[in-house]
C-alpha atoms as a PDB file:
ATOM      1  CA  MET A   1       0.000   0.000   0.000  1.00  0.00           C
ATOM      2  CA  ALA A   2       1.346   3.418  -0.939  1.00  0.00           C
ATOM      3  CA  PRO A   3       1.879   5.763   2.012  1.00  0.00           C
ATOM      4  CA  THR A   4      -0.693   8.453   2.739  1.00  0.00           C
ATOM      5  CA  VAL A   5       0.570  11.876   3.774  1.00  0.00           C
ATOM      6  CA  LEU A   6      -1.217  15.109   4.630  1.00  0.00           C
ATOM      7  CA  ILE A   7       0.784  18.252   3.933  1.00  0.00           C
ATOM      8  CA  ALA A   8      -0.560  21.235   5.838  1.00  0.00           C
ATOM      9  CA  GLY A   9       0.456  24.368   3.988  1.00  0.00           C
ATOM     10  CA  GLY A  10       0.792  22.747   0.592  1.00  0.00           C
ATOM     11  CA  SER A  11       0.409  26.053  -1.255  1.00  0.00           C
ATOM     12  CA  GLY A  12       3.533  27.547   0.353  1.00  0.00           C
ATOM     13  CA  TYR A  13       7.067  27.316  -1.000  1.00  0.00           C
ATOM     14  CA  LEU A  14       8.244  24.177   0.803  1.00  0.00           C
ATOM     15  CA  GLY A  15       4.773  22.663   0.813  1.00  0.00           C
ATOM     16  CA  GLN A  16       4.551  22.769  -2.977  1.00  0.00           C
ATOM     17  CA  PHE A  17       7.804  20.844  -3.332  1.00  0.00           C
ATOM     18  CA  LEU A  18       6.646  18.206  -0.849  1.00  0.00           C
ATOM     19  CA  VAL A  19       3.242  17.778  -2.510  1.00  0.00           C
ATOM     20  CA  ASP A  20       4.804  17.567  -5.962  1.00  0.00           C
ATOM     21  CA  LYS A  21       7.528  15.086  -4.981  1.00  0.00           C
ATOM     22  CA  PHE A  22       5.398  12.669  -2.993  1.00  0.00           C
ATOM     23  CA  ALA A  23       2.556  12.710  -5.522  1.00  0.00           C
ATOM     24  CA  ARG A  24       4.999  11.994  -8.348  1.00  0.00           C
ATOM     25  CA  ASP A  25       6.373   9.098  -6.296  1.00  0.00           C
ATOM     26  CA  GLY A  26       2.921   7.530  -6.252  1.00  0.00           C
ATOM     27  CA  TRP A  27       2.048   8.348  -2.658  1.00  0.00           C
ATOM     28  CA  ASN A  28      -1.496   9.260  -1.621  1.00  0.00           C
ATOM     29  CA  VAL A  29      -1.227  12.996  -1.016  1.00  0.00           C
ATOM     30  CA  ALA A  30      -3.745  15.359   0.534  1.00  0.00           C
ATOM     31  CA  TYR A  31      -2.824  18.948   1.249  1.00  0.00           C
ATOM     32  CA  THR A  32      -4.244  22.190   2.555  1.00  0.00           C
ATOM     33  CA  TYR A  33      -4.051  25.569   0.880  1.00  0.00           C
ATOM     34  CA  ASN A  34      -5.023  29.125   1.804  1.00  0.00           C
ATOM     35  CA  THR A  35      -4.904  30.772  -1.614  1.00  0.00           C
ATOM     36  CA  SER A  36      -7.990  31.648  -3.664  1.00  0.00           C
ATOM     37  CA  THR A  37      -7.497  28.507  -5.755  1.00  0.00           C
ATOM     38  CA  PRO A  38      -5.285  25.459  -5.175  1.00  0.00           C
ATOM     39  CA  PRO A  39      -1.933  25.340  -6.997  1.00  0.00           C
ATOM     40  CA  PRO A  40      -2.229  23.510 -10.349  1.00  0.00           C
ATOM     41  CA  PHE A  41      -0.216  20.364  -9.595  1.00  0.00           C
ATOM     42  CA  PRO A  42      -0.067  18.053 -12.647  1.00  0.00           C
ATOM     43  CA  THR A  43      -0.641  14.988 -10.455  1.00  0.00           C
ATOM     44  CA  ASN A  44      -3.942  16.360  -9.060  1.00  0.00           C
ATOM     45  CA  PRO A  45      -3.447  15.538  -5.363  1.00  0.00           C
ATOM     46  CA  THR A  46      -6.459  16.057  -3.106  1.00  0.00           C
ATOM     47  CA  ALA A  47      -6.753  19.671  -1.928  1.00  0.00           C
ATOM     48  CA  PHE A  48      -8.632  21.205   0.999  1.00  0.00           C
ATOM     49  CA  LYS A  49      -8.973  24.897   1.729  1.00  0.00           C
ATOM     50  CA  VAL A  50      -8.269  25.388   5.432  1.00  0.00           C
ATOM     51  CA  ASP A  51      -8.167  28.421   7.692  1.00  0.00           C
ATOM     52  CA  PHE A  52      -5.742  27.548  10.486  1.00  0.00           C
ATOM     53  CA  VAL A  53      -6.836  30.495  12.604  1.00  0.00           C
ATOM     54  CA  THR A  54     -10.376  29.134  12.954  1.00  0.00           C
ATOM     55  CA  GLY A  55      -9.804  25.527  11.906  1.00  0.00           C
ATOM     56  CA  GLU A  56     -12.456  25.828   9.197  1.00  0.00           C
ATOM     57  CA  GLY A  57     -11.907  23.136   6.577  1.00  0.00           C
ATOM     58  CA  LEU A  58     -10.072  20.648   8.791  1.00  0.00           C
ATOM     59  CA  ASP A  59     -13.209  18.580   9.431  1.00  0.00           C
ATOM     60  CA  ALA A  60     -13.666  17.986   5.703  1.00  0.00           C
ATOM     61  CA  CYS A  61     -10.008  17.123   5.328  1.00  0.00           C
ATOM     62  CA  PHE A  62      -9.927  14.511   8.082  1.00  0.00           C
ATOM     63  CA  SER A  63     -13.378  13.149   7.184  1.00  0.00           C
ATOM     64  CA  TYR A  64     -11.966  12.361   3.750  1.00  0.00           C
ATOM     65  CA  LEU A  65      -9.093  10.461   5.353  1.00  0.00           C
ATOM     66  CA  GLU A  66     -11.441   8.607   7.719  1.00  0.00           C
ATOM     67  CA  ASP A  67     -14.078   7.665   5.143  1.00  0.00           C
ATOM     68  CA  ASP A  68     -11.810   6.264   2.422  1.00  0.00           C
ATOM     69  CA  GLU A  69     -10.987   2.736   3.569  1.00  0.00           C
ATOM     70  CA  SER A  70      -8.145   2.509   1.053  1.00  0.00           C
ATOM     71  CA  LEU A  71      -6.263   5.256   2.920  1.00  0.00           C
ATOM     72  CA  ARG A  72      -4.339   4.985   6.168  1.00  0.00           C
ATOM     73  CA  LEU A  73      -2.840   8.261   7.314  1.00  0.00           C
ATOM     74  CA  ASP A  74       0.866   7.654   7.817  1.00  0.00           C
ATOM     75  CA  ALA A  75       2.225  11.159   8.276  1.00  0.00           C
ATOM     76  CA  VAL A  76       1.345  14.826   8.571  1.00  0.00           C
ATOM     77  CA  ILE A  77       3.883  17.485   7.591  1.00  0.00           C
ATOM     78  CA  ASN A  78       3.020  20.904   8.982  1.00  0.00           C
ATOM     79  CA  CYS A  79       4.490  23.721   6.881  1.00  0.00           C
ATOM     80  CA  VAL A  80       1.831  26.259   7.895  1.00  0.00           C
ATOM     81  CA  ALA A  81       3.370  29.427   9.309  1.00  0.00           C
ATOM     82  CA  VAL A  82       3.501  33.161   9.462  1.00  0.00           C
ATOM     83  CA  SER A  83       7.200  32.967   8.671  1.00  0.00           C
ATOM     84  CA  GLN A  84       8.092  36.611   8.135  1.00  0.00           C
ATOM     85  CA  PRO A  85       9.357  37.986  11.474  1.00  0.00           C
ATOM     86  CA  VAL A  86       8.096  41.512  10.752  1.00  0.00           C
ATOM     87  CA  ALA A  87       4.553  40.213  10.225  1.00  0.00           C
ATOM     88  CA  CYS A  88       4.745  38.355  13.536  1.00  0.00           C
ATOM     89  CA  GLU A  89       5.811  41.541  15.336  1.00  0.00           C
ATOM     90  CA  LYS A  90       2.938  43.500  13.802  1.00  0.00           C
ATOM     91  CA  ASP A  91       0.283  40.944  14.731  1.00  0.00           C
ATOM     92  CA  PRO A  92       1.655  38.561  17.369  1.00  0.00           C
ATOM     93  CA  GLU A  93      -1.791  37.201  18.250  1.00  0.00           C
ATOM     94  CA  LYS A  94      -2.472  36.059  14.691  1.00  0.00           C
ATOM     95  CA  ALA A  95       1.070  34.708  14.407  1.00  0.00           C
ATOM     96  CA  ARG A  96       0.554  32.554  17.478  1.00  0.00           C
ATOM     97  CA  LEU A  97      -2.832  31.293  16.285  1.00  0.00           C
ATOM     98  CA  ILE A  98      -1.249  30.082  13.055  1.00  0.00           C
ATOM     99  CA  ASN A  99       2.248  29.102  14.181  1.00  0.00           C
ATOM    100  CA  ILE A 100       1.066  27.076  17.177  1.00  0.00           C
ATOM    101  CA  PRO A 101      -0.896  24.269  15.456  1.00  0.00           C
ATOM    102  CA  THR A 102      -3.632  23.862  18.062  1.00  0.00           C
ATOM    103  CA  LYS A 103      -6.414  23.311  15.511  1.00  0.00           C
ATOM    104  CA  LEU A 104      -4.365  20.747  13.598  1.00  0.00           C
ATOM    105  CA  LEU A 105      -3.483  18.874  16.793  1.00  0.00           C
ATOM    106  CA  ASP A 106      -7.133  18.822  17.858  1.00  0.00           C
ATOM    107  CA  ALA A 107      -8.125  17.377  14.483  1.00  0.00           C
ATOM    108  CA  LEU A 108      -5.289  14.852  14.544  1.00  0.00           C
ATOM    109  CA  ASN A 109      -6.181  13.637  18.034  1.00  0.00           C
ATOM    110  CA  ALA A 110      -9.849  13.350  17.046  1.00  0.00           C
ATOM    111  CA  TYR A 111      -8.845  11.350  13.960  1.00  0.00           C
ATOM    112  CA  HIS A 112      -6.752   8.976  16.069  1.00  0.00           C
ATOM    113  CA  LEU A 113      -9.638   8.392  18.489  1.00  0.00           C
ATOM    114  CA  LYS A 114     -11.877   7.464  15.547  1.00  0.00           C
ATOM    115  CA  THR A 115      -9.266   5.133  14.016  1.00  0.00           C
ATOM    116  CA  PRO A 116      -7.718   3.436  17.078  1.00  0.00           C
ATOM    117  CA  SER A 117      -6.655   0.340  15.155  1.00  0.00           C
ATOM    118  CA  SER A 118      -4.525   2.358  12.734  1.00  0.00           C
ATOM    119  CA  PRO A 119      -0.874   3.144  13.501  1.00  0.00           C
ATOM    120  CA  LEU A 120      -0.137   6.507  15.066  1.00  0.00           C
ATOM    121  CA  PRO A 121       0.681   8.984  12.257  1.00  0.00           C
ATOM    122  CA  LEU A 122       4.054  10.707  12.327  1.00  0.00           C
ATOM    123  CA  LEU A 123       3.803  14.486  12.763  1.00  0.00           C
ATOM    124  CA  ILE A 124       6.674  16.403  11.161  1.00  0.00           C
ATOM    125  CA  PHE A 125       6.703  20.034  12.253  1.00  0.00           C
ATOM    126  CA  LEU A 126       8.748  22.743  10.536  1.00  0.00           C
ATOM    127  CA  SER A 127      10.161  24.976  13.245  1.00  0.00           C
ATOM    128  CA  THR A 128      12.905  27.597  12.894  1.00  0.00           C
ATOM    129  CA  ASP A 129      16.497  28.442  13.744  1.00  0.00           C
ATOM    130  CA  GLN A 130      15.138  31.645  15.278  1.00  0.00           C
ATOM    131  CA  VAL A 131      14.413  29.834  18.527  1.00  0.00           C
ATOM    132  CA  TYR A 132      18.104  30.570  19.250  1.00  0.00           C
ATOM    133  CA  ASP A 133      19.221  34.052  20.311  1.00  0.00           C
ATOM    134  CA  GLY A 134      22.187  34.310  17.931  1.00  0.00           C
ATOM    135  CA  SER A 135      24.866  34.601  20.598  1.00  0.00           C
ATOM    136  CA  LYS A 136      26.944  31.609  19.439  1.00  0.00           C
ATOM    137  CA  SER A 137      27.885  29.732  16.291  1.00  0.00           C
ATOM    138  CA  PHE A 138      26.645  26.247  15.438  1.00  0.00           C
ATOM    139  CA  SER A 139      24.005  25.855  18.138  1.00  0.00           C
ATOM    140  CA  LYS A 140      23.058  22.286  18.973  1.00  0.00           C
ATOM    141  CA  ALA A 141      19.466  21.121  19.260  1.00  0.00           C
ATOM    142  CA  SER A 142      20.156  20.395  22.928  1.00  0.00           C
ATOM    143  CA  ASP A 143      21.338  23.961  23.623  1.00  0.00           C
ATOM    144  CA  ASN A 144      19.210  26.449  25.516  1.00  0.00           C
ATOM    145  CA  THR A 145      16.676  28.366  23.457  1.00  0.00           C
ATOM    146  CA  ASN A 146      16.100  32.080  23.904  1.00  0.00           C
ATOM    147  CA  PRO A 147      14.177  33.603  20.987  1.00  0.00           C
ATOM    148  CA  ILE A 148      14.418  37.375  20.656  1.00  0.00           C
ATOM    149  CA  ASN A 149      11.433  38.011  18.382  1.00  0.00           C
ATOM    150  CA  GLU A 150       7.777  37.004  18.207  1.00  0.00           C
ATOM    151  CA  TYR A 151       8.371  34.591  15.341  1.00  0.00           C
ATOM    152  CA  GLY A 152      10.909  32.566  17.311  1.00  0.00           C
ATOM    153  CA  LYS A 153       8.794  32.706  20.468  1.00  0.00           C
ATOM    154  CA  SER A 154       5.684  31.426  18.683  1.00  0.00           C
ATOM    155  CA  LYS A 155       7.617  28.572  17.085  1.00  0.00           C
ATOM    156  CA  LEU A 156       9.200  27.545  20.375  1.00  0.00           C
ATOM    157  CA  ASP A 157       5.765  27.502  22.011  1.00  0.00           C
ATOM    158  CA  ALA A 158       4.565  25.400  19.076  1.00  0.00           C
ATOM    159  CA  GLU A 159       7.341  22.870  19.705  1.00  0.00           C
ATOM    160  CA  ARG A 160       6.306  22.569  23.347  1.00  0.00           C
ATOM    161  CA  THR A 161       2.637  22.214  22.410  1.00  0.00           C
ATOM    162  CA  ILE A 162       3.436  19.349  20.032  1.00  0.00           C
ATOM    163  CA  GLN A 163       5.609  17.627  22.622  1.00  0.00           C
ATOM    164  CA  SER A 164       2.691  17.837  25.050  1.00  0.00           C
ATOM    165  CA  GLN A 165      -0.232  16.986  22.765  1.00  0.00           C
ATOM    166  CA  TRP A 166       1.356  14.531  20.294  1.00  0.00           C
ATOM    167  CA  PRO A 167       4.238  13.094  22.325  1.00  0.00           C
ATOM    168  CA  ARG A 168       4.589   9.601  20.908  1.00  0.00           C
ATOM    169  CA  ASN A 169       5.373  10.194  17.240  1.00  0.00           C
ATOM    170  CA  HIS A 170       6.735  13.581  16.195  1.00  0.00           C
ATOM    171  CA  ALA A 171       9.830  15.041  14.563  1.00  0.00           C
ATOM    172  CA  ILE A 172      10.424  18.760  15.042  1.00  0.00           C
ATOM    173  CA  LEU A 173      12.782  20.194  12.422  1.00  0.00           C
ATOM    174  CA  ARG A 174      14.365  23.560  13.212  1.00  0.00           C
ATOM    175  CA  SER A 175      14.887  24.825   9.702  1.00  0.00           C
ATOM    176  CA  SER A 176      17.273  27.507   8.569  1.00  0.00           C
ATOM    177  CA  LEU A 177      16.814  29.764   5.537  1.00  0.00           C
ATOM    178  CA  ILE A 178      15.390  27.585   2.742  1.00  0.00           C
ATOM    179  CA  TYR A 179      16.627  28.020  -0.815  1.00  0.00           C
ATOM    180  CA  GLY A 180      16.087  26.255  -4.125  1.00  0.00           C
ATOM    181  CA  LYS A 181      14.451  26.627  -7.507  1.00  0.00           C
ATOM    182  CA  GLY A 182      11.222  28.553  -7.927  1.00  0.00           C
ATOM    183  CA  PRO A 183       8.056  26.851  -6.600  1.00  0.00           C
ATOM    184  CA  PRO A 184       6.924  23.980  -8.855  1.00  0.00           C
ATOM    185  CA  ALA A 185       3.245  24.883  -9.187  1.00  0.00           C
ATOM    186  CA  ALA A 186       2.403  28.513  -8.373  1.00  0.00           C
ATOM    187  CA  SER A 187       3.869  31.768  -7.120  1.00  0.00           C
ATOM    188  CA  VAL A 188       3.950  32.160  -3.344  1.00  0.00           C
ATOM    189  CA  GLY A 189       3.338  35.899  -3.570  1.00  0.00           C
ATOM    190  CA  ARG A 190       6.614  37.045  -2.073  1.00  0.00           C
ATOM    191  CA  SER A 191      10.243  37.431  -3.061  1.00  0.00           C
ATOM    192  CA  LEU A 192      12.489  34.415  -2.480  1.00  0.00           C
ATOM    193  CA  PHE A 193      15.955  35.357  -1.222  1.00  0.00           C
ATOM    194  CA  LEU A 194      18.015  33.319  -3.681  1.00  0.00           C
ATOM    195  CA  GLN A 195      15.995  34.547  -6.658  1.00  0.00           C
ATOM    196  CA  PHE A 196      16.246  38.123  -5.332  1.00  0.00           C
ATOM    197  CA  VAL A 197      20.041  37.811  -5.160  1.00  0.00           C
ATOM    198  CA  ASP A 198      20.216  36.382  -8.668  1.00  0.00           C
ATOM    199  CA  GLU A 199      18.019  39.117 -10.152  1.00  0.00           C
ATOM    200  CA  LYS A 200      19.972  41.918  -8.478  1.00  0.00           C
ATOM    201  CA  LEU A 201      23.366  40.563  -9.510  1.00  0.00           C
ATOM    202  CA  ALA A 202      22.142  39.956 -13.058  1.00  0.00           C
ATOM    203  CA  SER A 203      21.069  43.602 -13.305  1.00  0.00           C
ATOM    204  CA  GLY A 204      24.481  44.853 -12.215  1.00  0.00           C
ATOM    205  CA  ASP A 205      22.884  47.323  -9.795  1.00  0.00           C
ATOM    206  CA  GLN A 206      24.767  47.850  -6.562  1.00  0.00           C
ATOM    207  CA  THR A 207      22.922  45.983  -3.813  1.00  0.00           C
ATOM    208  CA  SER A 208      23.561  45.873  -0.080  1.00  0.00           C
ATOM    209  CA  PHE A 209      23.907  42.567   1.756  1.00  0.00           C
ATOM    210  CA  PHE A 210      24.455  42.013   5.480  1.00  0.00           C
ATOM    211  CA  ASN A 211      27.899  40.817   6.490  1.00  0.00           C
ATOM    212  CA  ASP A 212      27.222  40.160  10.182  1.00  0.00           C
ATOM    213  CA  GLU A 213      24.317  37.694  10.280  1.00  0.00           C
ATOM    214  CA  TRP A 214      24.966  34.006   9.720  1.00  0.00           C
ATOM    215  CA  ARG A 215      22.645  31.156   8.808  1.00  0.00           C
ATOM    216  CA  SER A 216      22.939  27.457   7.886  1.00  0.00           C
ATOM    217  CA  ALA A 217      20.957  27.800   4.664  1.00  0.00           C
ATOM    218  CA  VAL A 218      19.281  24.523   3.674  1.00  0.00           C
ATOM    219  CA  TYR A 219      18.477  23.262   0.179  1.00  0.00           C
ATOM    220  CA  VAL A 220      14.794  22.478  -0.350  1.00  0.00           C
ATOM    221  CA  GLU A 221      15.664  19.142  -1.985  1.00  0.00           C
ATOM    222  CA  ASP A 222      17.481  18.101   1.193  1.00  0.00           C
ATOM    223  CA  ILE A 223      14.388  18.888   3.259  1.00  0.00           C
ATOM    224  CA  ILE A 224      12.337  16.640   0.995  1.00  0.00           C
ATOM    225  CA  ARG A 225      14.863  13.835   1.514  1.00  0.00           C
ATOM    226  CA  VAL A 226      14.791  14.341   5.290  1.00  0.00           C
ATOM    227  CA  CYS A 227      10.987  14.178   5.409  1.00  0.00           C
ATOM    228  CA  LYS A 228      10.865  11.123   3.188  1.00  0.00           C
ATOM    229  CA  LEU A 229      13.419   9.249   5.279  1.00  0.00           C
ATOM    230  CA  LEU A 230      11.591  10.075   8.497  1.00  0.00           C
ATOM    231  CA  ILE A 231       8.281   8.875   7.062  1.00  0.00           C
ATOM    232  CA  GLU A 232       9.839   5.690   5.702  1.00  0.00           C
ATOM    233  CA  ALA A 233      11.357   4.995   9.122  1.00  0.00           C
ATOM    234  CA  SER A 234       7.924   5.456  10.679  1.00  0.00           C
ATOM    235  CA  LEU A 235       6.436   3.015   8.163  1.00  0.00           C
ATOM    236  CA  VAL A 236       9.012   0.399   9.121  1.00  0.00           C
ATOM    237  CA  SER A 237       8.298   1.016  12.814  1.00  0.00           C
ATOM    238  CA  ASN A 238       4.553   0.681  12.321  1.00  0.00           C
ATOM    239  CA  ASP A 239       5.029  -2.644  10.563  1.00  0.00           C
ATOM    240  CA  GLU A 240       7.003  -4.094  13.463  1.00  0.00           C
ATOM    241  CA  THR A 241       5.666  -5.396  16.740  1.00  0.00           C
ATOM    242  CA  GLU A 242       4.730  -2.743  19.287  1.00  0.00           C
ATOM    243  CA  GLY A 243       7.955  -3.272  21.236  1.00  0.00           C
ATOM    244  CA  ALA A 244      10.165  -2.952  18.181  1.00  0.00           C
ATOM    245  CA  ALA A 245       8.227   0.057  16.955  1.00  0.00           C
ATOM    246  CA  THR A 246       8.819   1.833  20.249  1.00  0.00           C
ATOM    247  CA  LYS A 247      12.551   1.243  19.923  1.00  0.00           C
ATOM    248  CA  LYS A 248      12.824   2.326  16.287  1.00  0.00           C
ATOM    249  CA  ARG A 249      10.354   5.197  16.218  1.00  0.00           C
ATOM    250  CA  ILE A 250      12.093   8.534  15.745  1.00  0.00           C
ATOM    251  CA  ARG A 251      10.875  11.438  17.781  1.00  0.00           C
ATOM    252  CA  GLY A 252      12.436  14.610  19.073  1.00  0.00           C
ATOM    253  CA  VAL A 253      13.850  17.958  18.050  1.00  0.00           C
ATOM    254  CA  PHE A 254      16.427  18.247  15.279  1.00  0.00           C
ATOM    255  CA  ASN A 255      18.395  21.095  13.737  1.00  0.00           C
ATOM    256  CA  MET A 256      17.941  21.073   9.964  1.00  0.00           C
ATOM    257  CA  GLY A 257      20.378  23.191   8.004  1.00  0.00           C
ATOM    258  CA  GLY A 258      23.212  23.020   5.558  1.00  0.00           C
ATOM    259  CA  PRO A 259      26.797  22.332   6.655  1.00  0.00           C
ATOM    260  CA  GLU A 260      28.111  25.854   6.134  1.00  0.00           C
ATOM    261  CA  ARG A 261      27.856  29.028   8.202  1.00  0.00           C
ATOM    262  CA  LEU A 262      26.865  31.638   5.616  1.00  0.00           C
ATOM    263  CA  SER A 263      26.256  35.376   5.739  1.00  0.00           C
ATOM    264  CA  ARG A 264      24.123  37.052   3.109  1.00  0.00           C
ATOM    265  CA  VAL A 265      27.322  38.459   1.610  1.00  0.00           C
ATOM    266  CA  ASP A 266      28.702  34.915   1.385  1.00  0.00           C
ATOM    267  CA  ILE A 267      25.557  33.790  -0.411  1.00  0.00           C
ATOM    268  CA  ALA A 268      25.697  36.709  -2.843  1.00  0.00           C
ATOM    269  CA  ARG A 269      29.379  36.081  -3.636  1.00  0.00           C
ATOM    270  CA  LEU A 270      28.762  32.389  -4.256  1.00  0.00           C
ATOM    271  CA  VAL A 271      25.843  33.173  -6.569  1.00  0.00           C
ATOM    272  CA  ALA A 272      28.054  35.640  -8.452  1.00  0.00           C
ATOM    273  CA  GLU A 273      30.763  32.984  -8.775  1.00  0.00           C
ATOM    274  CA  VAL A 274      28.432  30.263 -10.047  1.00  0.00           C
ATOM    275  CA  ARG A 275      26.504  32.560 -12.394  1.00  0.00           C
ATOM    276  CA  GLY A 276      29.506  34.499 -13.679  1.00  0.00           C
ATOM    277  CA  TYR A 277      28.288  37.879 -12.419  1.00  0.00           C
ATOM    278  CA  ASP A 278      30.514  40.808 -11.480  1.00  0.00           C
ATOM    279  CA  ALA A 279      30.833  40.727  -7.694  1.00  0.00           C
ATOM    280  CA  LYS A 280      31.631  44.456  -7.612  1.00  0.00           C
ATOM    281  CA  SER A 281      27.899  45.156  -7.363  1.00  0.00           C
ATOM    282  CA  ILE A 282      27.830  43.454  -3.939  1.00  0.00           C
ATOM    283  CA  VAL A 283      27.952  46.043  -1.148  1.00  0.00           C
ATOM    284  CA  GLU A 284      28.744  44.762   2.342  1.00  0.00           C
ATOM    285  CA  VAL A 285      26.804  46.462   5.143  1.00  0.00           C
ATOM    286  CA  PRO A 286      26.127  45.720   8.821  1.00  0.00           C
ATOM    287  CA  SER A 287      22.612  44.649   9.732  1.00  0.00           C
ATOM    288  CA  ALA A 288      22.291  47.718  11.974  1.00  0.00           C
ATOM    289  CA  SER A 289      22.368  49.913   8.867  1.00  0.00           C
ATOM    290  CA  VAL A 290      18.738  49.008   8.146  1.00  0.00           C
ATOM    291  CA  SER A 291      15.709  49.403  10.407  1.00  0.00           C
ATOM    292  CA  ARG A 292      13.612  46.259   9.964  1.00  0.00           C
ATOM    293  CA  GLY A 293      11.141  46.707  12.790  1.00  0.00           C
ATOM    294  CA  VAL A 294      12.111  43.413  14.390  1.00  0.00           C
ATOM    295  CA  ALA A 295      15.040  42.038  16.382  1.00  0.00           C
ATOM    296  CA  SER A 296      17.101  39.661  14.256  1.00  0.00           C
ATOM    297  CA  PRO A 297      19.524  37.149  15.805  1.00  0.00           C
ATOM    298  CA  SER A 298      23.111  37.593  14.674  1.00  0.00           C
ATOM    299  CA  ASP A 299      24.473  34.061  14.413  1.00  0.00           C
ATOM    300  CA  ILE A 300      21.990  31.199  14.290  1.00  0.00           C
ATOM    301  CA  SER A 301      24.159  28.791  12.370  1.00  0.00           C
ATOM    302  CA  MET A 302      23.412  25.275  13.583  1.00  0.00           C
ATOM    303  CA  ASP A 303      25.151  22.019  14.368  1.00  0.00           C
ATOM    304  CA  VAL A 304      23.098  19.469  12.412  1.00  0.00           C
ATOM    305  CA  SER A 305      24.973  16.366  13.531  1.00  0.00           C
ATOM    306  CA  ASN A 306      22.037  15.025  15.551  1.00  0.00           C
ATOM    307  CA  LEU A 307      19.872  14.868  12.420  1.00  0.00           C
ATOM    308  CA  GLU A 308      22.664  13.463  10.248  1.00  0.00           C
ATOM    309  CA  ASN A 309      23.455  10.759  12.821  1.00  0.00           C
ATOM    310  CA  THR A 310      19.783   9.895  13.207  1.00  0.00           C
ATOM    311  CA  LEU A 311      19.273   9.604   9.463  1.00  0.00           C
ATOM    312  CA  THR A 312      22.360   7.412   9.140  1.00  0.00           C
ATOM    313  CA  GLY A 313      20.642   5.087  11.591  1.00  0.00           C
ATOM    314  CA  VAL A 314      17.399   5.412   9.654  1.00  0.00           C
ATOM    315  CA  LEU A 315      19.075   4.181   6.489  1.00  0.00           C
ATOM    316  CA  SER A 316      20.327   1.092   8.326  1.00  0.00           C
ATOM    317  CA  ALA A 317      16.874   0.448   9.771  1.00  0.00           C
ATOM    318  CA  LEU A 318      15.261   0.879   6.374  1.00  0.00           C
ATOM    319  CA  ALA A 319      17.704  -1.542   4.777  1.00  0.00           C
ATOM    320  CA  SER A 320      16.596  -4.265   7.196  1.00  0.00           C
ATOM    321  CA  GLY A 321      12.918  -3.333   7.023  1.00  0.00           C
ATOM    322  CA  ARG A 322      12.359  -2.740   3.328  1.00  0.00           C
ATOM    323  CA  SER A 323      10.867  -6.136   2.613  1.00  0.00           C
ATOM    324  CA  LYS A 324       8.334  -5.570   5.414  1.00  0.00           C
ATOM    325  CA  VAL A 325       7.115  -2.241   4.025  1.00  0.00           C
ATOM    326  CA  GLY A 326       6.618  -3.583   0.528  1.00  0.00           C
ATOM    327  CA  LYS A 327       6.134  -1.912  -2.805  1.00  0.00           C
ATOM    328  CA  GLY A 328       4.476   1.467  -3.160  1.00  0.00           C
ATOM    329  CA  GLY A 329       6.082   2.849  -0.004  1.00  0.00           C
ATOM    330  CA  GLY A 330       9.226   4.155  -1.637  1.00  0.00           C
ATOM    331  CA  THR A 331      11.198   1.462   0.186  1.00  0.00           C
ATOM    332  CA  GLU A 332      11.341  -1.560  -2.086  1.00  0.00           C
ATOM    333  CA  SER A 333      14.053  -4.098  -1.408  1.00  0.00           C
ATOM    334  CA  GLY A 334      17.457  -3.024  -2.607  1.00  0.00           C
ATOM    335  CA  GLY A 335      20.375  -0.835  -1.619  1.00  0.00           C
ATOM    336  CA  THR A 336      20.083   2.410   0.253  1.00  0.00           C
ATOM    337  CA  GLU A 337      21.119   5.766  -1.110  1.00  0.00           C
ATOM    338  CA  GLU A 338      23.809   7.682   0.729  1.00  0.00           C
ATOM    339  CA  PHE A 339      22.431  10.660   2.658  1.00  0.00           C
ATOM    340  CA  ALA A 340      24.338  13.925   2.877  1.00  0.00           C
ATOM    341  CA  PHE A 341      23.403  17.589   2.918  1.00  0.00           C
ATOM    342  CA  THR A 342      24.300  19.199  -0.376  1.00  0.00           C
ATOM    343  CA  LYS A 343      26.967  21.878  -0.059  1.00  0.00           C
ATOM    344  CA  PHE A 344      25.836  25.336  -1.076  1.00  0.00           C
ATOM    345  CA  ARG A 345      28.011  25.783  -4.158  1.00  0.00           C
ATOM    346  CA  ASP A 346      27.068  22.374  -5.560  1.00  0.00           C
ATOM    347  CA  ALA A 347      23.398  23.103  -4.920  1.00  0.00           C
ATOM    348  CA  LEU A 348      23.677  26.404  -6.794  1.00  0.00           C
ATOM    349  CA  HIS A 349      25.068  24.589  -9.830  1.00  0.00           C
ATOM    350  CA  GLU A 350      22.086  22.226  -9.690  1.00  0.00           C
ATOM    351  CA  ILE A 351      19.596  25.075  -9.329  1.00  0.00           C
ATOM    352  CA  PHE A 352      20.916  27.345 -12.068  1.00  0.00           C
ATOM    353  CA  ASN A 353      22.208  24.841 -14.625  1.00  0.00           C
END
């Protein structure tokens, strides 16, 4: 049986990539959207318009999953967020209503009560590197959190809510700045940083970039691989006995970023190198030179070794469990692919070539 996944926030940038990839792989995909019309995916996955402030639309979504006996919900990936820090500062109440997935958790718990014989779905939650205060390089997932803006605070509270309300099967991914190609189905209605950099450098206009804020930018294709591996591991766990499933099931908080500590100037210079642009148009400035209306952490580069080590173990578990999952789950018998985060320069070549 092909896996069934619900992607909350499927009309956003990351959500579109996840919907497109899993649907193309033959998975049963349902997703939520908040645009006037759903993105035009060629695979026609099942779409539900949902308002995550009120929860309107979630009943229809989960009723569909309950009523179709051919479906068994294996995973939920929550990409829903007010992810622009300035917007969170302007309306912190709305940011918290959306970023803390109370309505989704209520619906998920209600679904589980109605389907007690089905395995517990894995909940993958996209959190943020902005739960850290920026006072040190390469923060570990086990380090203290101390968010300095409303966005980070709302996401940290969301993590704690998930740990409390869905404790047995969750993976919280603290994501850094996401980059990649343009969205596969529809515009997301805002400028994407990598595309902004490319357009500015292509024009030759002098453009300012911060030289004193560092991030572990993560390639969207790597996020897809992470989510797929986590779901496949959950499928193997659910197919085992209860005792074995408890041992193998992955849950916890993980940093999810690329291997490099990059400033925006670093990113701009690497784009110029790969694209053959004149780097003289890049103007280095301190972040304090611009008033953004929100506190921004200086250095939230992350140590991602806990995720890499976990996924190395996942690959071993999948290798021994592939025959149990069976065809249609993306885990047919055979060798495993090596997992590694793609380095930024190599990813740029893949994106632009």
